[in-house]
Each structure stands twice: as C-alpha cells, then as structure tokens.
N, C-alpha and C. Protein backbone atom coordinates (compact mmCIF):
# COMPACT_ATOMS: atom_id res chain seq x y z
N UNK A 1 144.15 81.72 -77.57
CA UNK A 1 143.26 82.48 -78.39
C UNK A 1 144.73 82.34 -80.09
N UNK A 2 144.34 82.22 -81.07
CA UNK A 2 144.89 82.45 -82.35
C UNK A 2 143.78 83.75 -83.17
N UNK A 3 145.44 84.35 -83.34
CA UNK A 3 144.40 85.16 -84.15
C UNK A 3 145.00 85.65 -85.51
N UNK A 4 145.03 86.26 -86.98
CA UNK A 4 145.52 86.14 -87.81
C UNK A 4 145.33 87.72 -88.68
N UNK A 5 146.54 88.81 -88.65
CA UNK A 5 146.04 90.05 -89.29
C UNK A 5 146.85 90.17 -90.58
N UNK A 6 146.49 90.44 -91.95
CA UNK A 6 146.55 90.98 -93.31
C UNK A 6 146.78 92.11 -92.96
N UNK A 7 147.77 92.56 -93.53
CA UNK A 7 148.39 93.91 -93.98
C UNK A 7 148.93 94.25 -94.98
N UNK A 8 149.73 95.76 -94.92
CA UNK A 8 150.68 95.58 -96.40
C UNK A 8 151.64 96.66 -95.76
N UNK A 9 152.77 96.72 -96.28
CA UNK A 9 154.00 97.62 -95.50
C UNK A 9 153.75 98.85 -95.30
N UNK A 10 152.83 99.35 -95.47
CA UNK A 10 152.28 101.13 -95.15
C UNK A 10 151.72 100.45 -94.02
N UNK A 11 151.44 99.79 -92.99
CA UNK A 11 151.30 99.18 -91.87
C UNK A 11 152.93 99.26 -91.31
N UNK A 12 153.62 100.40 -90.87
CA UNK A 12 154.32 100.12 -90.32
C UNK A 12 155.11 99.38 -89.25
N UNK A 13 153.81 99.00 -88.16
CA UNK A 13 154.67 98.70 -87.00
C UNK A 13 153.82 97.03 -86.88
N UNK A 14 153.18 96.66 -87.75
CA UNK A 14 152.75 95.37 -88.34
C UNK A 14 154.09 94.63 -89.44
N UNK A 15 154.14 95.69 -90.15
CA UNK A 15 155.56 95.27 -90.89
C UNK A 15 157.03 94.94 -90.28
N UNK A 16 156.99 95.51 -89.48
CA UNK A 16 158.49 95.47 -88.15
C UNK A 16 158.15 94.50 -87.34
N UNK A 17 157.18 94.16 -87.58
CA UNK A 17 156.70 93.11 -86.19
C UNK A 17 157.11 91.44 -87.24
N UNK A 18 156.87 91.92 -88.43
CA UNK A 18 156.65 90.74 -89.55
C UNK A 18 158.45 90.59 -89.84
N UNK A 19 159.10 91.42 -89.65
CA UNK A 19 159.97 91.59 -90.44
C UNK A 19 160.94 90.92 -89.39
N UNK A 20 160.81 90.97 -87.53
CA UNK A 20 161.37 90.91 -86.55
C UNK A 20 161.15 88.88 -86.95
N UNK A 21 160.26 88.52 -87.07
CA UNK A 21 159.92 86.98 -86.91
C UNK A 21 160.72 86.40 -87.86
N UNK A 22 160.66 87.35 -89.21
CA UNK A 22 161.51 86.84 -90.46
C UNK A 22 162.81 86.78 -89.91
N UNK A 23 163.23 87.78 -89.20
CA UNK A 23 164.52 87.90 -88.79
C UNK A 23 165.32 86.83 -88.23
N UNK A 24 164.84 86.47 -87.15
CA UNK A 24 165.17 85.53 -86.32
C UNK A 24 164.95 84.41 -87.06
N UNK A 25 164.25 83.76 -87.98
CA UNK A 25 163.71 82.44 -88.81
C UNK A 25 164.94 82.25 -89.08
N UNK A 26 164.67 83.82 -90.45
CA UNK A 26 165.50 82.98 -92.06
C UNK A 26 167.00 83.34 -91.92
N UNK A 27 167.20 84.90 -91.02
CA UNK A 27 168.34 85.78 -91.40
C UNK A 27 169.65 84.89 -90.42
N UNK A 28 168.91 84.67 -89.11
CA UNK A 28 169.51 84.48 -88.11
C UNK A 28 169.55 82.75 -87.97
N UNK A 29 168.68 82.19 -87.99
CA UNK A 29 168.23 80.79 -88.13
C UNK A 29 169.01 80.44 -89.58
N UNK A 30 168.80 80.41 -90.54
CA UNK A 30 169.04 80.20 -91.78
C UNK A 30 170.41 80.83 -92.75
N UNK A 31 170.36 81.71 -91.83
CA UNK A 31 171.76 82.63 -92.44
C UNK A 31 171.18 83.14 -94.28
N UNK A 32 170.39 83.68 -94.43
CA UNK A 32 170.04 84.15 -95.68
C UNK A 32 170.11 85.28 -95.45
N UNK A 33 170.34 86.08 -96.70
CA UNK A 33 171.23 87.02 -97.16
C UNK A 33 169.93 88.35 -96.38
N UNK A 34 170.38 89.00 -95.61
CA UNK A 34 169.45 89.94 -95.48
C UNK A 34 168.70 90.69 -96.74
N UNK A 35 169.29 91.31 -97.62
CA UNK A 35 169.10 91.91 -98.88
C UNK A 35 168.21 90.60 -99.80
N UNK A 36 168.24 89.67 -99.61
CA UNK A 36 167.36 88.66 -100.34
C UNK A 36 165.82 88.34 -99.25
N UNK A 37 166.36 88.83 -98.29
CA UNK A 37 165.00 88.41 -97.15
C UNK A 37 163.59 89.71 -97.32
N UNK A 38 164.01 90.83 -97.96
CA UNK A 38 163.60 92.28 -98.17
C UNK A 38 162.80 92.09 -99.36
N UNK A 39 163.02 91.23 -100.50
CA UNK A 39 162.70 91.87 -102.10
C UNK A 39 161.53 91.69 -101.93
N UNK A 40 160.74 92.42 -103.00
CA UNK A 40 159.45 92.76 -103.51
C UNK A 40 158.41 92.66 -102.28
N UNK A 41 159.05 93.78 -101.15
CA UNK A 41 157.78 93.56 -99.94
C UNK A 41 156.51 94.36 -100.40
N UNK A 42 157.04 95.73 -101.16
CA UNK A 42 155.76 96.07 -101.76
C UNK A 42 154.57 96.05 -102.70
N UNK A 43 154.89 94.91 -102.86
CA UNK A 43 154.43 94.06 -104.34
C UNK A 43 153.10 92.71 -103.00
N UNK A 44 153.69 92.71 -102.07
CA UNK A 44 152.85 91.64 -101.25
C UNK A 44 151.75 91.93 -100.37
N UNK A 45 151.04 91.62 -99.90
CA UNK A 45 150.14 91.08 -98.69
C UNK A 45 150.66 90.33 -98.08
N UNK A 46 150.90 91.02 -96.89
CA UNK A 46 151.83 90.14 -95.41
C UNK A 46 150.36 89.78 -93.94
N UNK A 47 150.80 88.70 -93.64
CA UNK A 47 150.23 88.40 -92.32
C UNK A 47 150.97 88.28 -91.33
N UNK A 48 150.47 88.11 -90.26
CA UNK A 48 151.07 87.91 -88.71
C UNK A 48 150.02 86.99 -87.85
N UNK A 49 150.31 86.05 -87.20
CA UNK A 49 149.69 85.31 -86.74
C UNK A 49 149.83 85.44 -84.89
N UNK A 50 149.25 85.85 -84.45
CA UNK A 50 149.28 86.04 -82.85
C UNK A 50 148.94 84.85 -82.08
N UNK A 51 149.52 84.48 -81.25
CA UNK A 51 148.56 83.60 -80.03
C UNK A 51 148.91 84.52 -78.97
N UNK A 52 147.84 84.34 -77.74
CA UNK A 52 147.06 85.11 -76.94
C UNK A 52 148.01 86.39 -77.02
N UNK A 53 147.56 87.01 -78.32
CA UNK A 53 148.16 88.87 -78.65
C UNK A 53 150.02 88.65 -78.60
N UNK A 54 150.47 87.21 -78.43
CA UNK A 54 152.08 87.48 -78.83
C UNK A 54 152.13 87.27 -80.54
N UNK A 55 152.81 88.14 -81.31
CA UNK A 55 153.04 87.56 -82.62
C UNK A 55 154.20 86.53 -82.81
N UNK A 56 153.66 85.14 -83.42
CA UNK A 56 154.64 84.12 -83.24
C UNK A 56 155.13 83.54 -84.94
N UNK A 57 153.68 84.09 -85.92
CA UNK A 57 154.50 83.78 -87.20
C UNK A 57 153.76 84.50 -88.06
N UNK A 58 154.42 84.58 -89.23
CA UNK A 58 153.97 85.66 -90.42
C UNK A 58 154.07 84.79 -91.79
N UNK A 59 153.42 85.24 -92.58
CA UNK A 59 153.50 84.99 -94.68
C UNK A 59 153.52 86.20 -95.30
N UNK A 60 153.48 85.52 -96.52
CA UNK A 60 153.52 86.91 -97.52
C UNK A 60 152.74 86.04 -98.59
N UNK A 61 152.14 86.81 -99.44
CA UNK A 61 151.85 86.54 -101.15
C UNK A 61 152.05 87.19 -102.12
N UNK A 62 152.09 87.15 -103.57
CA UNK A 62 152.32 88.08 -104.29
C UNK A 62 151.61 87.94 -105.46
N UNK A 63 151.29 88.29 -106.10
CA UNK A 63 150.87 88.02 -107.48
C UNK A 63 151.78 88.27 -108.17
N UNK A 64 152.08 87.46 -109.32
CA UNK A 64 153.10 87.33 -110.52
C UNK A 64 152.69 86.70 -111.56
N UNK A 65 153.43 87.03 -112.57
CA UNK A 65 152.91 85.98 -114.03
C UNK A 65 152.87 85.02 -114.07
N UNK A 66 153.19 84.03 -113.17
CA UNK A 66 152.79 82.39 -113.11
C UNK A 66 151.45 82.44 -111.97
N UNK A 67 150.93 83.19 -111.51
CA UNK A 67 150.12 83.23 -110.70
C UNK A 67 150.73 83.80 -109.43
N UNK A 68 150.08 83.07 -108.09
CA UNK A 68 150.30 83.89 -107.20
C UNK A 68 151.01 82.73 -106.54
N UNK A 69 152.63 83.79 -106.27
CA UNK A 69 153.41 82.93 -104.58
C UNK A 69 153.28 83.29 -103.54
N UNK A 70 153.23 81.83 -102.85
CA UNK A 70 153.45 81.95 -101.55
C UNK A 70 154.72 82.26 -100.79
N UNK A 71 155.53 83.28 -99.90
CA UNK A 71 156.20 83.45 -99.74
C UNK A 71 156.58 83.86 -98.04
N UNK A 72 157.85 83.50 -97.30
CA UNK A 72 158.09 83.62 -96.14
C UNK A 72 157.04 83.43 -95.15
N UNK A 73 156.95 81.62 -95.49
CA UNK A 73 155.85 81.30 -94.12
C UNK A 73 157.13 81.09 -93.31
N UNK A 74 157.05 81.58 -92.11
CA UNK A 74 157.74 81.89 -90.72
C UNK A 74 156.94 81.42 -89.34
N UNK A 75 157.24 80.03 -88.58
CA UNK A 75 156.99 80.07 -87.13
C UNK A 75 157.91 80.58 -86.46
N UNK A 76 158.49 81.05 -85.21
CA UNK A 76 159.12 81.63 -84.12
C UNK A 76 159.59 79.83 -83.65
N UNK A 77 161.10 79.38 -83.42
CA UNK A 77 161.08 78.18 -83.41
C UNK A 77 160.25 77.71 -81.79
N UNK A 78 160.36 78.22 -80.93
CA UNK A 78 159.46 77.57 -79.93
C UNK A 78 157.97 77.69 -80.02
N UNK A 79 157.51 77.35 -81.20
CA UNK A 79 156.26 77.92 -81.41
C UNK A 79 155.74 76.94 -82.85
N UNK A 80 156.66 76.40 -83.22
CA UNK A 80 156.80 74.95 -84.33
C UNK A 80 155.94 73.93 -83.57
N UNK A 81 155.50 73.00 -84.80
CA UNK A 81 155.18 71.77 -84.53
C UNK A 81 153.63 71.97 -83.78
N UNK A 82 153.06 72.93 -83.74
CA UNK A 82 151.91 73.12 -82.98
C UNK A 82 150.30 73.30 -83.94
N UNK A 83 150.49 73.02 -85.12
CA UNK A 83 149.55 73.93 -86.44
C UNK A 83 149.82 75.52 -87.08
N UNK A 84 150.51 75.91 -86.14
CA UNK A 84 150.27 77.44 -86.54
C UNK A 84 150.76 77.77 -87.84
N UNK A 85 151.43 77.24 -88.21
CA UNK A 85 151.54 77.40 -90.05
C UNK A 85 151.13 77.07 -91.07
N UNK A 86 149.67 75.66 -90.28
CA UNK A 86 148.62 75.36 -91.21
C UNK A 86 147.53 76.20 -91.27
N UNK A 87 147.42 76.51 -89.44
CA UNK A 87 146.60 77.44 -89.62
C UNK A 87 146.53 78.97 -90.64
N UNK A 88 147.90 79.82 -90.28
CA UNK A 88 148.45 80.48 -91.68
C UNK A 88 147.71 79.93 -93.22
N UNK A 89 148.32 79.03 -93.57
CA UNK A 89 148.27 78.31 -94.85
C UNK A 89 146.88 78.79 -95.12
N UNK A 90 145.84 78.23 -94.12
CA UNK A 90 144.66 78.16 -94.72
C UNK A 90 143.96 79.44 -94.65
N UNK A 91 144.37 80.27 -93.59
CA UNK A 91 144.00 81.61 -94.38
C UNK A 91 144.05 82.50 -95.10
N UNK A 92 145.33 81.96 -95.37
CA UNK A 92 146.17 82.28 -96.91
C UNK A 92 145.21 82.24 -98.11
N UNK A 93 145.08 80.92 -98.04
CA UNK A 93 144.45 80.20 -99.63
C UNK A 93 142.93 80.50 -99.20
N UNK A 94 142.27 81.03 -97.91
CA UNK A 94 141.34 81.17 -98.20
C UNK A 94 140.83 82.89 -98.84
N UNK A 95 141.62 83.10 -98.78
CA UNK A 95 141.89 84.80 -99.22
C UNK A 95 142.65 84.88 -100.78
N UNK A 96 143.09 83.71 -101.31
CA UNK A 96 143.67 83.94 -102.40
C UNK A 96 142.67 83.02 -103.40
N UNK A 97 142.16 81.72 -102.76
CA UNK A 97 141.47 80.67 -103.62
C UNK A 97 140.40 81.37 -104.61
N UNK A 98 140.07 81.92 -104.22
CA UNK A 98 138.69 82.85 -104.96
C UNK A 98 139.28 84.12 -106.12
N UNK A 99 140.53 84.32 -105.70
CA UNK A 99 140.77 84.88 -107.26
C UNK A 99 140.75 84.30 -108.02
N UNK A 100 140.78 82.97 -108.41
CA UNK A 100 141.31 81.56 -109.37
C UNK A 100 142.27 81.94 -110.11
N UNK A 101 143.58 82.01 -109.67
CA UNK A 101 144.78 82.05 -109.83
C UNK A 101 145.61 80.81 -109.30
N UNK A 102 146.46 80.12 -110.54
CA UNK A 102 147.34 78.78 -109.83
C UNK A 102 147.76 79.94 -108.50
N UNK A 103 149.00 78.85 -108.02
CA UNK A 103 149.76 79.10 -106.63
C UNK A 103 150.55 78.03 -106.22
N UNK A 104 152.00 78.65 -106.61
CA UNK A 104 152.84 78.41 -106.30
C UNK A 104 153.64 78.86 -105.18
N UNK A 105 154.90 77.98 -104.78
CA UNK A 105 155.78 78.16 -103.88
C UNK A 105 157.49 77.50 -103.63
N UNK A 106 158.17 78.17 -103.12
CA UNK A 106 159.49 77.22 -103.40
C UNK A 106 159.51 76.78 -102.30
N UNK A 107 159.50 75.68 -101.75
CA UNK A 107 159.65 74.96 -100.33
C UNK A 107 160.62 74.32 -100.31
N UNK A 108 161.22 74.70 -98.90
CA UNK A 108 163.20 74.03 -98.26
C UNK A 108 162.03 72.31 -98.71
N UNK A 109 163.13 71.76 -99.07
CA UNK A 109 163.09 70.47 -99.02
C UNK A 109 162.07 69.87 -97.58
N UNK A 110 162.96 69.83 -96.39
CA UNK A 110 162.08 68.99 -95.36
C UNK A 110 160.59 69.53 -95.48
N UNK A 111 160.40 70.26 -95.85
CA UNK A 111 158.56 70.94 -95.85
C UNK A 111 158.04 70.49 -97.24
N UNK A 112 158.54 69.78 -98.22
CA UNK A 112 157.93 69.47 -99.40
C UNK A 112 156.71 68.26 -99.18
N UNK A 113 156.89 68.02 -98.32
CA UNK A 113 156.08 66.12 -98.26
C UNK A 113 154.30 67.41 -97.43
N UNK A 114 154.87 68.12 -96.23
CA UNK A 114 153.93 69.09 -95.82
C UNK A 114 153.05 69.48 -96.96
N UNK A 115 153.95 70.37 -97.95
CA UNK A 115 153.18 70.97 -98.63
C UNK A 115 152.36 69.84 -99.78
N UNK A 116 153.06 69.39 -100.08
CA UNK A 116 152.31 67.68 -100.92
C UNK A 116 150.37 67.39 -100.41
N UNK A 117 150.92 67.72 -98.86
CA UNK A 117 149.45 66.60 -97.79
C UNK A 117 148.51 68.33 -98.08
N UNK A 118 148.98 69.08 -98.58
CA UNK A 118 148.16 70.50 -98.61
C UNK A 118 147.41 70.87 -99.93
N UNK A 119 148.02 69.84 -101.02
CA UNK A 119 147.47 70.47 -102.51
C UNK A 119 148.51 70.32 -103.11
N UNK A 120 149.64 71.01 -102.90
CA UNK A 120 150.51 70.81 -103.96
C UNK A 120 151.27 70.21 -104.61
N UNK A 121 151.87 70.13 -105.60
CA UNK A 121 152.81 69.29 -106.48
C UNK A 121 154.00 69.83 -106.64
N UNK A 122 154.88 68.80 -106.12
CA UNK A 122 156.40 68.77 -106.59
C UNK A 122 156.66 68.84 -107.81
N UNK A 123 157.29 69.66 -108.22
CA UNK A 123 157.74 69.82 -109.85
C UNK A 123 158.77 70.28 -110.18
N UNK A 124 159.54 70.00 -111.06
CA UNK A 124 161.02 69.87 -111.53
C UNK A 124 162.26 69.31 -110.21
N UNK A 125 162.92 69.59 -110.42
CA UNK A 125 164.22 69.18 -109.85
C UNK A 125 164.85 70.04 -108.34
N UNK A 126 165.11 69.72 -107.57
CA UNK A 126 165.52 70.28 -106.95
C UNK A 126 167.07 71.63 -107.48
N UNK A 127 166.51 72.97 -106.25
CA UNK A 127 167.30 74.00 -106.84
C UNK A 127 167.60 74.55 -105.43
N UNK A 128 168.47 75.36 -105.51
CA UNK A 128 169.28 76.37 -104.51
C UNK A 128 169.22 77.96 -104.49
N UNK A 129 168.17 78.24 -103.41
CA UNK A 129 167.73 79.15 -103.48
C UNK A 129 168.18 80.00 -102.02
N UNK A 130 169.10 80.73 -101.93
CA UNK A 130 168.97 82.02 -100.69
C UNK A 130 170.21 80.65 -99.99
N UNK A 131 170.97 80.02 -100.95
CA UNK A 131 171.87 79.21 -100.04
C UNK A 131 171.30 78.14 -99.65
N UNK A 132 170.02 77.82 -99.55
CA UNK A 132 168.90 76.16 -99.25
C UNK A 132 168.47 75.79 -100.43
N UNK A 133 168.43 74.42 -100.61
CA UNK A 133 167.68 73.43 -101.38
C UNK A 133 166.48 73.26 -101.17
N UNK A 134 165.99 73.92 -102.61
CA UNK A 134 164.11 73.75 -102.46
C UNK A 134 163.81 72.92 -103.57
N UNK A 135 162.46 72.83 -103.72
CA UNK A 135 161.31 72.19 -104.73
C UNK A 135 160.25 73.64 -105.48
N UNK A 136 159.87 73.62 -106.39
CA UNK A 136 158.91 74.32 -107.04
C UNK A 136 157.80 73.47 -106.44
N UNK A 137 156.98 74.10 -106.01
CA UNK A 137 155.70 73.40 -105.78
C UNK A 137 154.69 74.09 -106.48
N UNK A 138 153.81 73.52 -106.55
CA UNK A 138 152.28 73.85 -107.40
C UNK A 138 150.83 73.78 -107.55
N UNK A 139 149.86 74.49 -107.04
CA UNK A 139 148.47 73.93 -106.62
C UNK A 139 147.58 74.39 -107.65
N UNK A 140 147.63 74.12 -108.52
CA UNK A 140 146.77 73.86 -109.63
C UNK A 140 145.11 74.67 -109.11
N UNK A 141 144.45 76.05 -109.64
CA UNK A 141 143.33 76.09 -109.46
C UNK A 141 142.26 76.34 -110.51
N UNK A 142 143.28 76.79 -111.98
CA UNK A 142 142.62 76.69 -113.19
C UNK A 142 142.31 75.46 -113.94
C-alpha cells in the first residue's frame, strides 16, 4: 500500500526521516555537499512516500519569485523504477496546480526526458549545480 504524507519541518520526526532518505540518495549516492542539501528547508512543503508503512521516497516544493520550485525528489535505490516517483510527483502537482503559479525544477540530465513527458519544457543550456549537470525545466500554468 502506498501512502504520501505532507508536512513541514516542525514535524521533526517526519523531517528527520526525509533527511535520512535524502542523505542516502544525494549526499552518499551523488556526493552532494551536506550544506547545499539542507538549504531553504523552513520555506518548503515536504512529502514522504511510504510503501507498506516504510518510508521510501521524499520530495519538497517552495514558492519563489519565479513560481513554485520542485526540489529534492528522491526514491531509495532499491525502490526505483517502480513508479513511486511518479506517484509522488502527481501528489505534489495535485497540491500546487490549483495555486495557479508556473512550476519549475532543476532536472539532472538523465531525468529530463521523464519531466518532459510530465509536461515540463527544457529551457536554456546545461548548468552545473552541486557538481551535477542540470537543465531548467518549466511547466507553464498561467
């Protein structure tokens, strides 16, 4: 059974669980600087995806001057390629689309095609963030 829980960092138990997933995926798996990994946390709405009561994925979004930025989508390695990231993305979009803001994200290159299939448009040139190549992807809502 899949369940998704939305929360903010005041729920310290859920927040620690999300950080644990992000630590495994980004800090250990992709060697992202831990200081970069926790930027802007209080400004974000966070999510945890549970599979049979086990947390296996996380994501967050925040409002910026450019719209709503999707960030830190992560699924534990042994649970990838089973559609859990898509379930999480759809939940996040369900929550934010009614707000009427454009949505954007910084996609790692291998995921750009996935986000294009979900309605995002690749914009601009490749740029490096946290030592990883990315594209800016935008989904116009307005």
